[in-house]
Amino acid sequence: MSEFDPPIPPAFDPFAEANAEDSGAGVKDYVHIRVQQRNGRKSLTTVQGLKKEFSYNKILKDLKKEFCCNGTVVQDPELGQVIQLQGDQRKNVSTFLVQAGIVRKEFIKIHGF
């Protein structure tokens, strides 16, 4: 190389920050509330990421009674236990989890539409 050649910058990895974020332990702390569209106007709300020490069936029972909807707890191989509720209950579930003291508001992520 001659002295007039510009220096070559080091390789830039645009996904390095995202990969480092995925490997951290803080990512598992979030509770994800999603809505999935079914057929027609029907929808399904899923709650994922609650801590394992909580009784999912008791939380589900309270959610069903509070919002007058049906629901179930599903065991997923990748995500663990997931609560499913009929209808779009995203706002209701997030306020319920905060008021019950199950999770703080800053650790809830609402997804969908």
PDB file of N, CA and C in Angstrom:
ATOM      1  N   MET A   1       0.841  -1.177   0.000  1.00  0.00           N
ATOM      2  CA  MET A   1       0.000   0.000   0.000  1.00  0.00           C
ATOM      3  C   MET A   1       0.882   1.234   0.000  1.00  0.00           C
ATOM      4  N   SER A   2       0.456   2.188  -0.737  1.00  0.00           N
ATOM      5  CA  SER A   2       1.198   3.443  -0.738  1.00  0.00           C
ATOM      6  C   SER A   2       0.617   4.348   0.345  1.00  0.00           C
ATOM      7  N   GLU A   3       1.283   5.434   0.600  1.00  0.00           N
ATOM      8  CA  GLU A   3       0.831   6.332   1.655  1.00  0.00           C
ATOM      9  C   GLU A   3      -0.396   7.146   1.259  1.00  0.00           C
ATOM     10  N   PHE A   4      -0.800   7.100  -0.016  1.00  0.00           N
ATOM     11  CA  PHE A   4      -1.957   7.879  -0.476  1.00  0.00           C
ATOM     12  C   PHE A   4      -3.251   7.059  -0.495  1.00  0.00           C
ATOM     13  N   ASP A   5      -3.166   5.776  -0.229  1.00  0.00           N
ATOM     14  CA  ASP A   5      -4.376   4.953  -0.204  1.00  0.00           C
ATOM     15  C   ASP A   5      -5.195   5.292   1.044  1.00  0.00           C
ATOM     16  N   PRO A   6      -6.513   5.472   0.876  1.00  0.00           N
ATOM     17  CA  PRO A   6      -7.342   5.771   2.055  1.00  0.00           C
ATOM     18  C   PRO A   6      -7.428   4.529   2.947  1.00  0.00           C
ATOM     19  N   PRO A   7      -7.517   4.740   4.227  1.00  0.00           N
ATOM     20  CA  PRO A   7      -7.624   3.584   5.116  1.00  0.00           C
ATOM     21  C   PRO A   7      -8.974   2.892   4.928  1.00  0.00           C
ATOM     22  N   ILE A   8      -8.982   1.592   5.030  1.00  0.00           N
ATOM     23  CA  ILE A   8     -10.207   0.814   4.881  1.00  0.00           C
ATOM     24  C   ILE A   8     -10.880   0.735   6.248  1.00  0.00           C
ATOM     25  N   PRO A   9     -12.134   1.182   6.312  1.00  0.00           N
ATOM     26  CA  PRO A   9     -12.814   1.137   7.610  1.00  0.00           C
ATOM     27  C   PRO A   9     -13.089  -0.313   8.010  1.00  0.00           C
ATOM     28  N   PRO A  10     -13.201  -0.555   9.293  1.00  0.00           N
ATOM     29  CA  PRO A  10     -13.507  -1.924   9.731  1.00  0.00           C
ATOM     30  C   PRO A  10     -14.914  -2.323   9.287  1.00  0.00           C
ATOM     31  N   ALA A  11     -15.137  -3.604   9.215  1.00  0.00           N
ATOM     32  CA  ALA A  11     -16.440  -4.108   8.771  1.00  0.00           C
ATOM     33  C   ALA A  11     -17.530  -3.671   9.743  1.00  0.00           C
ATOM     34  N   PHE A  12     -18.654  -3.238   9.190  1.00  0.00           N
ATOM     35  CA  PHE A  12     -19.768  -2.767   9.993  1.00  0.00           C
ATOM     36  C   PHE A  12     -20.864  -3.821   9.973  1.00  0.00           C
ATOM     37  N   ASP A  13     -21.301  -4.235  11.126  1.00  0.00           N
ATOM     38  CA  ASP A  13     -22.383  -5.207  11.240  1.00  0.00           C
ATOM     39  C   ASP A  13     -23.635  -4.484  11.729  1.00  0.00           C
ATOM     40  N   PRO A  14     -24.639  -4.254  10.859  1.00  0.00           N
ATOM     41  CA  PRO A  14     -25.823  -3.510  11.279  1.00  0.00           C
ATOM     42  C   PRO A  14     -26.673  -4.265  12.295  1.00  0.00           C
ATOM     43  N   PHE A  15     -26.489  -5.588  12.394  1.00  0.00           N
ATOM     44  CA  PHE A  15     -27.304  -6.380  13.304  1.00  0.00           C
ATOM     45  C   PHE A  15     -26.583  -6.704  14.609  1.00  0.00           C
ATOM     46  N   ALA A  16     -25.393  -6.160  14.805  1.00  0.00           N
ATOM     47  CA  ALA A  16     -24.625  -6.473  16.006  1.00  0.00           C
ATOM     48  C   ALA A  16     -25.373  -6.030  17.264  1.00  0.00           C
ATOM     49  N   GLU A  17     -25.984  -4.849  17.215  1.00  0.00           N
ATOM     50  CA  GLU A  17     -26.710  -4.338  18.370  1.00  0.00           C
ATOM     51  C   GLU A  17     -27.942  -5.192  18.661  1.00  0.00           C
ATOM     52  N   ALA A  18     -28.648  -5.599  17.616  1.00  0.00           N
ATOM     53  CA  ALA A  18     -29.844  -6.417  17.805  1.00  0.00           C
ATOM     54  C   ALA A  18     -29.480  -7.791  18.351  1.00  0.00           C
ATOM     55  N   ASN A  19     -28.395  -8.382  17.856  1.00  0.00           N
ATOM     56  CA  ASN A  19     -27.985  -9.692  18.348  1.00  0.00           C
ATOM     57  C   ASN A  19     -27.536  -9.615  19.791  1.00  0.00           C
ATOM     58  N   ALA A  20     -26.850  -8.546  20.162  1.00  0.00           N
ATOM     59  CA  ALA A  20     -26.421  -8.377  21.544  1.00  0.00           C
ATOM     60  C   ALA A  20     -27.637  -8.195  22.447  1.00  0.00           C
ATOM     61  N   GLU A  21     -28.666  -7.532  21.930  1.00  0.00           N
ATOM     62  CA  GLU A  21     -29.880  -7.314  22.708  1.00  0.00           C
ATOM     63  C   GLU A  21     -30.615  -8.631  22.930  1.00  0.00           C
ATOM     64  N   ASP A  22     -30.626  -9.516  21.916  1.00  0.00           N
ATOM     65  CA  ASP A  22     -31.317 -10.792  22.047  1.00  0.00           C
ATOM     66  C   ASP A  22     -30.652 -11.699  23.072  1.00  0.00           C
ATOM     67  N   SER A  23     -29.337 -11.588  23.195  1.00  0.00           N
ATOM     68  CA  SER A  23     -28.634 -12.480  24.108  1.00  0.00           C
ATOM     69  C   SER A  23     -28.722 -12.017  25.549  1.00  0.00           C
ATOM     70  N   GLY A  24     -29.182 -10.802  25.778  1.00  0.00           N
ATOM     71  CA  GLY A  24     -29.256 -10.277  27.136  1.00  0.00           C
ATOM     72  C   GLY A  24     -30.397 -10.892  27.922  1.00  0.00           C
ATOM     73  N   ALA A  25     -30.291 -10.822  29.223  1.00  0.00           N
ATOM     74  CA  ALA A  25     -31.329 -11.390  30.072  1.00  0.00           C
ATOM     75  C   ALA A  25     -32.518 -10.441  30.221  1.00  0.00           C
ATOM     76  N   GLY A  26     -32.360  -9.179  29.897  1.00  0.00           N
ATOM     77  CA  GLY A  26     -33.427  -8.211  30.081  1.00  0.00           C
ATOM     78  C   GLY A  26     -34.560  -8.348  29.099  1.00  0.00           C
ATOM     79  N   VAL A  27     -34.352  -9.060  27.979  1.00  0.00           N
ATOM     80  CA  VAL A  27     -35.387  -9.184  26.969  1.00  0.00           C
ATOM     81  C   VAL A  27     -36.537 -10.044  27.486  1.00  0.00           C
ATOM     82  N   LYS A  28     -36.261 -10.994  28.328  1.00  0.00           N
ATOM     83  CA  LYS A  28     -37.283 -11.902  28.830  1.00  0.00           C
ATOM     84  C   LYS A  28     -38.193 -11.229  29.854  1.00  0.00           C
ATOM     85  N   ASP A  29     -37.874 -10.027  30.290  1.00  0.00           N
ATOM     86  CA  ASP A  29     -38.651  -9.376  31.329  1.00  0.00           C
ATOM     87  C   ASP A  29     -39.957  -8.783  30.820  1.00  0.00           C
ATOM     88  N   TYR A  30     -40.105  -8.613  29.519  1.00  0.00           N
ATOM     89  CA  TYR A  30     -41.291  -7.970  28.977  1.00  0.00           C
ATOM     90  C   TYR A  30     -42.458  -8.937  28.893  1.00  0.00           C
ATOM     91  N   VAL A  31     -43.657  -8.389  29.097  1.00  0.00           N
ATOM     92  CA  VAL A  31     -44.895  -9.125  28.870  1.00  0.00           C
ATOM     93  C   VAL A  31     -45.453  -8.607  27.552  1.00  0.00           C
ATOM     94  N   HIS A  32     -45.640  -9.506  26.603  1.00  0.00           N
ATOM     95  CA  HIS A  32     -46.116  -9.136  25.272  1.00  0.00           C
ATOM     96  C   HIS A  32     -47.600  -9.453  25.164  1.00  0.00           C
ATOM     97  N   ILE A  33     -48.370  -8.442  24.784  1.00  0.00           N
ATOM     98  CA  ILE A  33     -49.806  -8.609  24.580  1.00  0.00           C
ATOM     99  C   ILE A  33     -50.071  -8.374  23.099  1.00  0.00           C
ATOM    100  N   ARG A  34     -50.565  -9.401  22.430  1.00  0.00           N
ATOM    101  CA  ARG A  34     -50.767  -9.333  20.979  1.00  0.00           C
ATOM    102  C   ARG A  34     -52.222  -9.627  20.640  1.00  0.00           C
ATOM    103  N   VAL A  35     -52.632  -9.141  19.477  1.00  0.00           N
ATOM    104  CA  VAL A  35     -53.948  -9.481  18.949  1.00  0.00           C
ATOM    105  C   VAL A  35     -53.724 -10.174  17.610  1.00  0.00           C
ATOM    106  N   GLN A  36     -54.466 -11.258  17.402  1.00  0.00           N
ATOM    107  CA  GLN A  36     -54.390 -11.999  16.147  1.00  0.00           C
ATOM    108  C   GLN A  36     -55.764 -12.008  15.520  1.00  0.00           C
ATOM    109  N   GLN A  37     -55.822 -11.711  14.230  1.00  0.00           N
ATOM    110  CA  GLN A  37     -57.099 -11.690  13.517  1.00  0.00           C
ATOM    111  C   GLN A  37     -57.491 -13.105  13.135  1.00  0.00           C
ATOM    112  N   ARG A  38     -58.709 -13.471  13.443  1.00  0.00           N
ATOM    113  CA  ARG A  38     -59.234 -14.765  13.016  1.00  0.00           C
ATOM    114  C   ARG A  38     -60.089 -14.541  11.782  1.00  0.00           C
ATOM    115  N   ASN A  39     -61.152 -15.286  11.619  1.00  0.00           N
ATOM    116  CA  ASN A  39     -61.992 -15.106  10.448  1.00  0.00           C
ATOM    117  C   ASN A  39     -63.024 -14.011  10.686  1.00  0.00           C
ATOM    118  N   GLY A  40     -63.216 -13.169   9.687  1.00  0.00           N
ATOM    119  CA  GLY A  40     -64.196 -12.098   9.797  1.00  0.00           C
ATOM    120  C   GLY A  40     -63.796 -11.055  10.820  1.00  0.00           C
ATOM    121  N   ARG A  41     -64.712 -10.739  11.729  1.00  0.00           N
ATOM    122  CA  ARG A  41     -64.438  -9.736  12.758  1.00  0.00           C
ATOM    123  C   ARG A  41     -63.886 -10.347  14.040  1.00  0.00           C
ATOM    124  N   LYS A  42     -63.687 -11.645  14.050  1.00  0.00           N
ATOM    125  CA  LYS A  42     -63.224 -12.331  15.256  1.00  0.00           C
ATOM    126  C   LYS A  42     -61.730 -12.098  15.462  1.00  0.00           C
ATOM    127  N   SER A  43     -61.332 -11.960  16.722  1.00  0.00           N
ATOM    128  CA  SER A  43     -59.917 -11.773  17.025  1.00  0.00           C
ATOM    129  C   SER A  43     -59.573 -12.527  18.310  1.00  0.00           C
ATOM    130  N   LEU A  44     -58.271 -12.649  18.538  1.00  0.00           N
ATOM    131  CA  LEU A  44     -57.747 -13.416  19.660  1.00  0.00           C
ATOM    132  C   LEU A  44     -56.640 -12.605  20.307  1.00  0.00           C
ATOM    133  N   THR A  45     -56.686 -12.447  21.628  1.00  0.00           N
ATOM    134  CA  THR A  45     -55.653 -11.722  22.361  1.00  0.00           C
ATOM    135  C   THR A  45     -54.762 -12.736  23.072  1.00  0.00           C
ATOM    136  N   THR A  46     -53.438 -12.604  22.905  1.00  0.00           N
ATOM    137  CA  THR A  46     -52.504 -13.508  23.573  1.00  0.00           C
ATOM    138  C   THR A  46     -51.629 -12.718  24.537  1.00  0.00           C
ATOM    139  N   VAL A  47     -51.363 -13.299  25.695  1.00  0.00           N
ATOM    140  CA  VAL A  47     -50.509 -12.708  26.713  1.00  0.00           C
ATOM    141  C   VAL A  47     -49.348 -13.667  26.938  1.00  0.00           C
ATOM    142  N   GLN A  48     -48.134 -13.171  26.709  1.00  0.00           N
ATOM    143  CA  GLN A  48     -46.946 -14.020  26.776  1.00  0.00           C
ATOM    144  C   GLN A  48     -45.877 -13.323  27.591  1.00  0.00           C
ATOM    145  N   GLY A  49     -45.106 -14.098  28.350  1.00  0.00           N
ATOM    146  CA  GLY A  49     -43.963 -13.547  29.054  1.00  0.00           C
ATOM    147  C   GLY A  49     -44.177 -13.298  30.537  1.00  0.00           C
ATOM    148  N   LEU A  50     -45.285 -13.763  31.088  1.00  0.00           N
ATOM    149  CA  LEU A  50     -45.481 -13.627  32.533  1.00  0.00           C
ATOM    150  C   LEU A  50     -44.479 -14.527  33.256  1.00  0.00           C
ATOM    151  N   LYS A  51     -44.118 -14.154  34.460  1.00  0.00           N
ATOM    152  CA  LYS A  51     -43.158 -14.948  35.217  1.00  0.00           C
ATOM    153  C   LYS A  51     -43.763 -16.305  35.574  1.00  0.00           C
ATOM    154  N   LYS A  52     -42.894 -17.290  35.691  1.00  0.00           N
ATOM    155  CA  LYS A  52     -43.345 -18.663  35.912  1.00  0.00           C
ATOM    156  C   LYS A  52     -43.934 -18.888  37.303  1.00  0.00           C
ATOM    157  N   GLU A  53     -43.613 -18.020  38.268  1.00  0.00           N
ATOM    158  CA  GLU A  53     -44.135 -18.251  39.612  1.00  0.00           C
ATOM    159  C   GLU A  53     -45.615 -17.901  39.744  1.00  0.00           C
ATOM    160  N   PHE A  54     -46.172 -17.197  38.742  1.00  0.00           N
ATOM    161  CA  PHE A  54     -47.599 -16.874  38.781  1.00  0.00           C
ATOM    162  C   PHE A  54     -48.413 -18.079  38.322  1.00  0.00           C
ATOM    163  N   SER A  55     -49.604 -18.212  38.886  1.00  0.00           N
ATOM    164  CA  SER A  55     -50.524 -19.257  38.456  1.00  0.00           C
ATOM    165  C   SER A  55     -51.310 -18.735  37.254  1.00  0.00           C
ATOM    166  N   TYR A  56     -51.005 -19.283  36.094  1.00  0.00           N
ATOM    167  CA  TYR A  56     -51.648 -18.818  34.868  1.00  0.00           C
ATOM    168  C   TYR A  56     -53.154 -19.075  34.912  1.00  0.00           C
ATOM    169  N   ASN A  57     -53.553 -20.196  35.487  1.00  0.00           N
ATOM    170  CA  ASN A  57     -54.980 -20.521  35.520  1.00  0.00           C
ATOM    171  C   ASN A  57     -55.757 -19.555  36.409  1.00  0.00           C
ATOM    172  N   LYS A  58     -55.171 -19.098  37.508  1.00  0.00           N
ATOM    173  CA  LYS A  58     -55.865 -18.128  38.371  1.00  0.00           C
ATOM    174  C   LYS A  58     -55.961 -16.770  37.689  1.00  0.00           C
ATOM    175  N   ILE A  59     -54.886 -16.357  37.002  1.00  0.00           N
ATOM    176  CA  ILE A  59     -54.927 -15.090  36.260  1.00  0.00           C
ATOM    177  C   ILE A  59     -55.980 -15.176  35.165  1.00  0.00           C
ATOM    178  N   LEU A  60     -56.011 -16.308  34.458  1.00  0.00           N
ATOM    179  CA  LEU A  60     -56.992 -16.498  33.389  1.00  0.00           C
ATOM    180  C   LEU A  60     -58.418 -16.453  33.938  1.00  0.00           C
ATOM    181  N   LYS A  61     -58.638 -17.075  35.076  1.00  0.00           N
ATOM    182  CA  LYS A  61     -59.972 -17.083  35.673  1.00  0.00           C
ATOM    183  C   LYS A  61     -60.425 -15.661  35.997  1.00  0.00           C
ATOM    184  N   ASP A  62     -59.522 -14.852  36.550  1.00  0.00           N
ATOM    185  CA  ASP A  62     -59.867 -13.464  36.864  1.00  0.00           C
ATOM    186  C   ASP A  62     -60.094 -12.640  35.602  1.00  0.00           C
ATOM    187  N   LEU A  63     -59.272 -12.861  34.576  1.00  0.00           N
ATOM    188  CA  LEU A  63     -59.438 -12.128  33.315  1.00  0.00           C
ATOM    189  C   LEU A  63     -60.779 -12.471  32.669  1.00  0.00           C
ATOM    190  N   LYS A  64     -61.140 -13.748  32.653  1.00  0.00           N
ATOM    191  CA  LYS A  64     -62.398 -14.169  32.052  1.00  0.00           C
ATOM    192  C   LYS A  64     -63.590 -13.569  32.786  1.00  0.00           C
ATOM    193  N   LYS A  65     -63.508 -13.539  34.107  1.00  0.00           N
ATOM    194  CA  LYS A  65     -64.615 -12.995  34.894  1.00  0.00           C
ATOM    195  C   LYS A  65     -64.715 -11.479  34.733  1.00  0.00           C
ATOM    196  N   GLU A  66     -63.560 -10.813  34.673  1.00  0.00           N
ATOM    197  CA  GLU A  66     -63.526  -9.351  34.577  1.00  0.00           C
ATOM    198  C   GLU A  66     -64.038  -8.849  33.226  1.00  0.00           C
ATOM    199  N   PHE A  67     -63.649  -9.524  32.133  1.00  0.00           N
ATOM    200  CA  PHE A  67     -63.948  -9.014  30.792  1.00  0.00           C
ATOM    201  C   PHE A  67     -65.076  -9.766  30.099  1.00  0.00           C
ATOM    202  N   CYS A  68     -65.701 -10.729  30.775  1.00  0.00           N
ATOM    203  CA  CYS A  68     -66.820 -11.490  30.204  1.00  0.00           C
ATOM    204  C   CYS A  68     -66.459 -12.097  28.852  1.00  0.00           C
ATOM    205  N   CYS A  69     -65.334 -12.815  28.823  1.00  0.00           N
ATOM    206  CA  CYS A  69     -64.911 -13.476  27.595  1.00  0.00           C
ATOM    207  C   CYS A  69     -64.356 -14.840  27.958  1.00  0.00           C
ATOM    208  N   ASN A  70     -64.215 -15.690  26.966  1.00  0.00           N
ATOM    209  CA  ASN A  70     -63.661 -17.014  27.190  1.00  0.00           C
ATOM    210  C   ASN A  70     -62.161 -16.978  26.948  1.00  0.00           C
ATOM    211  N   GLY A  71     -61.449 -17.976  27.453  1.00  0.00           N
ATOM    212  CA  GLY A  71     -60.012 -18.021  27.260  1.00  0.00           C
ATOM    213  C   GLY A  71     -59.435 -19.353  27.667  1.00  0.00           C
ATOM    214  N   THR A  72     -58.140 -19.523  27.388  1.00  0.00           N
ATOM    215  CA  THR A  72     -57.455 -20.757  27.713  1.00  0.00           C
ATOM    216  C   THR A  72     -55.968 -20.492  27.898  1.00  0.00           C
ATOM    217  N   VAL A  73     -55.276 -21.438  28.520  1.00  0.00           N
ATOM    218  CA  VAL A  73     -53.822 -21.389  28.654  1.00  0.00           C
ATOM    219  C   VAL A  73     -53.267 -22.444  27.712  1.00  0.00           C
ATOM    220  N   VAL A  74     -52.380 -22.026  26.797  1.00  0.00           N
ATOM    221  CA  VAL A  74     -51.803 -22.917  25.799  1.00  0.00           C
ATOM    222  C   VAL A  74     -50.320 -23.085  26.099  1.00  0.00           C
ATOM    223  N   GLN A  75     -49.835 -24.329  26.014  1.00  0.00           N
ATOM    224  CA  GLN A  75     -48.410 -24.609  26.192  1.00  0.00           C
ATOM    225  C   GLN A  75     -47.744 -24.594  24.819  1.00  0.00           C
ATOM    226  N   ASP A  76     -46.833 -23.655  24.602  1.00  0.00           N
ATOM    227  CA  ASP A  76     -46.107 -23.527  23.342  1.00  0.00           C
ATOM    228  C   ASP A  76     -44.675 -24.003  23.571  1.00  0.00           C
ATOM    229  N   PRO A  77     -44.107 -24.776  22.635  1.00  0.00           N
ATOM    230  CA  PRO A  77     -42.741 -25.274  22.850  1.00  0.00           C
ATOM    231  C   PRO A  77     -41.686 -24.170  22.895  1.00  0.00           C
ATOM    232  N   GLU A  78     -41.857 -23.095  22.138  1.00  0.00           N
ATOM    233  CA  GLU A  78     -40.871 -22.012  22.115  1.00  0.00           C
ATOM    234  C   GLU A  78     -41.169 -20.938  23.162  1.00  0.00           C
ATOM    235  N   LEU A  79     -42.433 -20.581  23.316  1.00  0.00           N
ATOM    236  CA  LEU A  79     -42.807 -19.435  24.141  1.00  0.00           C
ATOM    237  C   LEU A  79     -43.205 -19.811  25.563  1.00  0.00           C
ATOM    238  N   GLY A  80     -43.380 -21.077  25.851  1.00  0.00           N
ATOM    239  CA  GLY A  80     -43.842 -21.478  27.173  1.00  0.00           C
ATOM    240  C   GLY A  80     -45.350 -21.371  27.248  1.00  0.00           C
ATOM    241  N   GLN A  81     -45.863 -20.995  28.416  1.00  0.00           N
ATOM    242  CA  GLN A  81     -47.304 -20.877  28.578  1.00  0.00           C
ATOM    243  C   GLN A  81     -47.787 -19.529  28.067  1.00  0.00           C
ATOM    244  N   VAL A  82     -48.874 -19.562  27.299  1.00  0.00           N
ATOM    245  CA  VAL A  82     -49.454 -18.358  26.708  1.00  0.00           C
ATOM    246  C   VAL A  82     -50.935 -18.333  27.052  1.00  0.00           C
ATOM    247  N   ILE A  83     -51.411 -17.183  27.517  1.00  0.00           N
ATOM    248  CA  ILE A  83     -52.842 -17.014  27.798  1.00  0.00           C
ATOM    249  C   ILE A  83     -53.517 -16.484  26.544  1.00  0.00           C
ATOM    250  N   GLN A  84     -54.613 -17.139  26.138  1.00  0.00           N
ATOM    251  CA  GLN A  84     -55.385 -16.690  24.981  1.00  0.00           C
ATOM    252  C   GLN A  84     -56.770 -16.278  25.446  1.00  0.00           C
ATOM    253  N   LEU A  85     -57.222 -15.123  24.962  1.00  0.00           N
ATOM    254  CA  LEU A  85     -58.552 -14.608  25.289  1.00  0.00           C
ATOM    255  C   LEU A  85     -59.302 -14.291  24.010  1.00  0.00           C
ATOM    256  N   GLN A  86     -60.619 -14.462  24.031  1.00  0.00           N
ATOM    257  CA  GLN A  86     -61.429 -14.113  22.867  1.00  0.00           C
ATOM    258  C   GLN A  86     -61.615 -12.609  22.802  1.00  0.00           C
ATOM    259  N   GLY A  87     -61.533 -12.080  21.589  1.00  0.00           N
ATOM    260  CA  GLY A  87     -61.770 -10.657  21.377  1.00  0.00           C
ATOM    261  C   GLY A  87     -60.501  -9.836  21.528  1.00  0.00           C
ATOM    262  N   ASP A  88     -60.611  -8.556  21.213  1.00  0.00           N
ATOM    263  CA  ASP A  88     -59.481  -7.628  21.326  1.00  0.00           C
ATOM    264  C   ASP A  88     -59.482  -7.056  22.744  1.00  0.00           C
ATOM    265  N   GLN A  89     -58.687  -7.628  23.621  1.00  0.00           N
ATOM    266  CA  GLN A  89     -58.655  -7.250  25.030  1.00  0.00           C
ATOM    267  C   GLN A  89     -57.312  -6.640  25.420  1.00  0.00           C
ATOM    268  N   ARG A  90     -56.579  -6.077  24.464  1.00  0.00           N
ATOM    269  CA  ARG A  90     -55.216  -5.594  24.745  1.00  0.00           C
ATOM    270  C   ARG A  90     -55.183  -4.533  25.838  1.00  0.00           C
ATOM    271  N   LYS A  91     -55.977  -3.502  25.701  1.00  0.00           N
ATOM    272  CA  LYS A  91     -55.979  -2.413  26.692  1.00  0.00           C
ATOM    273  C   LYS A  91     -56.484  -2.909  28.044  1.00  0.00           C
ATOM    274  N   ASN A  92     -57.537  -3.733  28.011  1.00  0.00           N
ATOM    275  CA  ASN A  92     -58.102  -4.252  29.253  1.00  0.00           C
ATOM    276  C   ASN A  92     -57.088  -5.107  30.014  1.00  0.00           C
ATOM    277  N   VAL A  93     -56.390  -5.984  29.294  1.00  0.00           N
ATOM    278  CA  VAL A  93     -55.427  -6.875  29.936  1.00  0.00           C
ATOM    279  C   VAL A  93     -54.263  -6.068  30.517  1.00  0.00           C
ATOM    280  N   SER A  94     -53.783  -5.069  29.777  1.00  0.00           N
ATOM    281  CA  SER A  94     -52.641  -4.299  30.282  1.00  0.00           C
ATOM    282  C   SER A  94     -53.019  -3.535  31.553  1.00  0.00           C
ATOM    283  N   THR A  95     -54.203  -2.921  31.592  1.00  0.00           N
ATOM    284  CA  THR A  95     -54.606  -2.213  32.805  1.00  0.00           C
ATOM    285  C   THR A  95     -54.854  -3.185  33.956  1.00  0.00           C
ATOM    286  N   PHE A  96     -55.391  -4.369  33.655  1.00  0.00           N
ATOM    287  CA  PHE A  96     -55.626  -5.368  34.695  1.00  0.00           C
ATOM    288  C   PHE A  96     -54.302  -5.834  35.309  1.00  0.00           C
ATOM    289  N   LEU A  97     -53.302  -6.123  34.471  1.00  0.00           N
ATOM    290  CA  LEU A  97     -52.017  -6.606  34.978  1.00  0.00           C
ATOM    291  C   LEU A  97     -51.321  -5.544  35.831  1.00  0.00           C
ATOM    292  N   VAL A  98     -51.467  -4.272  35.450  1.00  0.00           N
ATOM    293  CA  VAL A  98     -50.844  -3.199  36.228  1.00  0.00           C
ATOM    294  C   VAL A  98     -51.581  -3.006  37.550  1.00  0.00           C
ATOM    295  N   GLN A  99     -52.902  -2.981  37.520  1.00  0.00           N
ATOM    296  CA  GLN A  99     -53.679  -2.762  38.742  1.00  0.00           C
ATOM    297  C   GLN A  99     -53.551  -3.924  39.718  1.00  0.00           C
ATOM    298  N   ALA A 100     -53.395  -5.133  39.206  1.00  0.00           N
ATOM    299  CA  ALA A 100     -53.249  -6.302  40.078  1.00  0.00           C
ATOM    300  C   ALA A 100     -51.836  -6.406  40.642  1.00  0.00           C
ATOM    301  N   GLY A 101     -50.910  -5.619  40.114  1.00  0.00           N
ATOM    302  CA  GLY A 101     -49.540  -5.656  40.605  1.00  0.00           C
ATOM    303  C   GLY A 101     -48.734  -6.812  40.067  1.00  0.00           C
ATOM    304  N   ILE A 102     -49.174  -7.415  38.984  1.00  0.00           N
ATOM    305  CA  ILE A 102     -48.460  -8.550  38.407  1.00  0.00           C
ATOM    306  C   ILE A 102     -47.231  -8.083  37.648  1.00  0.00           C
ATOM    307  N   VAL A 103     -47.359  -6.972  36.930  1.00  0.00           N
ATOM    308  CA  VAL A 103     -46.243  -6.437  36.151  1.00  0.00           C
ATOM    309  C   VAL A 103     -46.363  -4.919  36.122  1.00  0.00           C
ATOM    310  N   ARG A 104     -45.216  -4.230  36.021  1.00  0.00           N
ATOM    311  CA  ARG A 104     -45.241  -2.768  35.936  1.00  0.00           C
ATOM    312  C   ARG A 104     -45.530  -2.332  34.501  1.00  0.00           C
ATOM    313  N   LYS A 105     -46.056  -1.125  34.372  1.00  0.00           N
ATOM    314  CA  LYS A 105     -46.496  -0.623  33.068  1.00  0.00           C
ATOM    315  C   LYS A 105     -45.361  -0.543  32.057  1.00  0.00           C
ATOM    316  N   GLU A 106     -44.142  -0.207  32.500  1.00  0.00           N
ATOM    317  CA  GLU A 106     -43.035  -0.058  31.546  1.00  0.00           C
ATOM    318  C   GLU A 106     -42.530  -1.391  31.006  1.00  0.00           C
ATOM    319  N   PHE A 107     -42.984  -2.516  31.592  1.00  0.00           N
ATOM    320  CA  PHE A 107     -42.554  -3.833  31.109  1.00  0.00           C
ATOM    321  C   PHE A 107     -43.634  -4.512  30.264  1.00  0.00           C
ATOM    322  N   ILE A 108     -44.639  -3.755  29.829  1.00  0.00           N
ATOM    323  CA  ILE A 108     -45.697  -4.300  28.980  1.00  0.00           C
ATOM    324  C   ILE A 108     -45.509  -3.749  27.564  1.00  0.00           C
ATOM    325  N   LYS A 109     -45.503  -4.644  26.593  1.00  0.00           N
ATOM    326  CA  LYS A 109     -45.452  -4.238  25.186  1.00  0.00           C
ATOM    327  C   LYS A 109     -46.728  -4.719  24.513  1.00  0.00           C
ATOM    328  N   ILE A 110     -47.448  -3.772  23.899  1.00  0.00           N
ATOM    329  CA  ILE A 110     -48.701  -4.101  23.220  1.00  0.00           C
ATOM    330  C   ILE A 110     -48.423  -4.109  21.720  1.00  0.00           C
ATOM    331  N   HIS A 111     -48.767  -5.212  21.059  1.00  0.00           N
ATOM    332  CA  HIS A 111     -48.527  -5.358  19.633  1.00  0.00           C
ATOM    333  C   HIS A 111     -49.869  -5.477  18.906  1.00  0.00           C
ATOM    334  N   GLY A 112     -49.856  -5.188  17.619  1.00  0.00           N
ATOM    335  CA  GLY A 112     -51.025  -5.408  16.780  1.00  0.00           C
ATOM    336  C   GLY A 112     -51.558  -4.142  16.174  1.00  0.00           C
ATOM    337  N   PHE A 113     -52.289  -4.311  15.116  1.00  0.00           N
ATOM    338  CA  PHE A 113     -52.939  -3.264  14.317  1.00  0.00           C
ATOM    339  C   PHE A 113     -52.200  -1.965  14.421  1.00  0.00           C
TER     340      PHE A 113
END
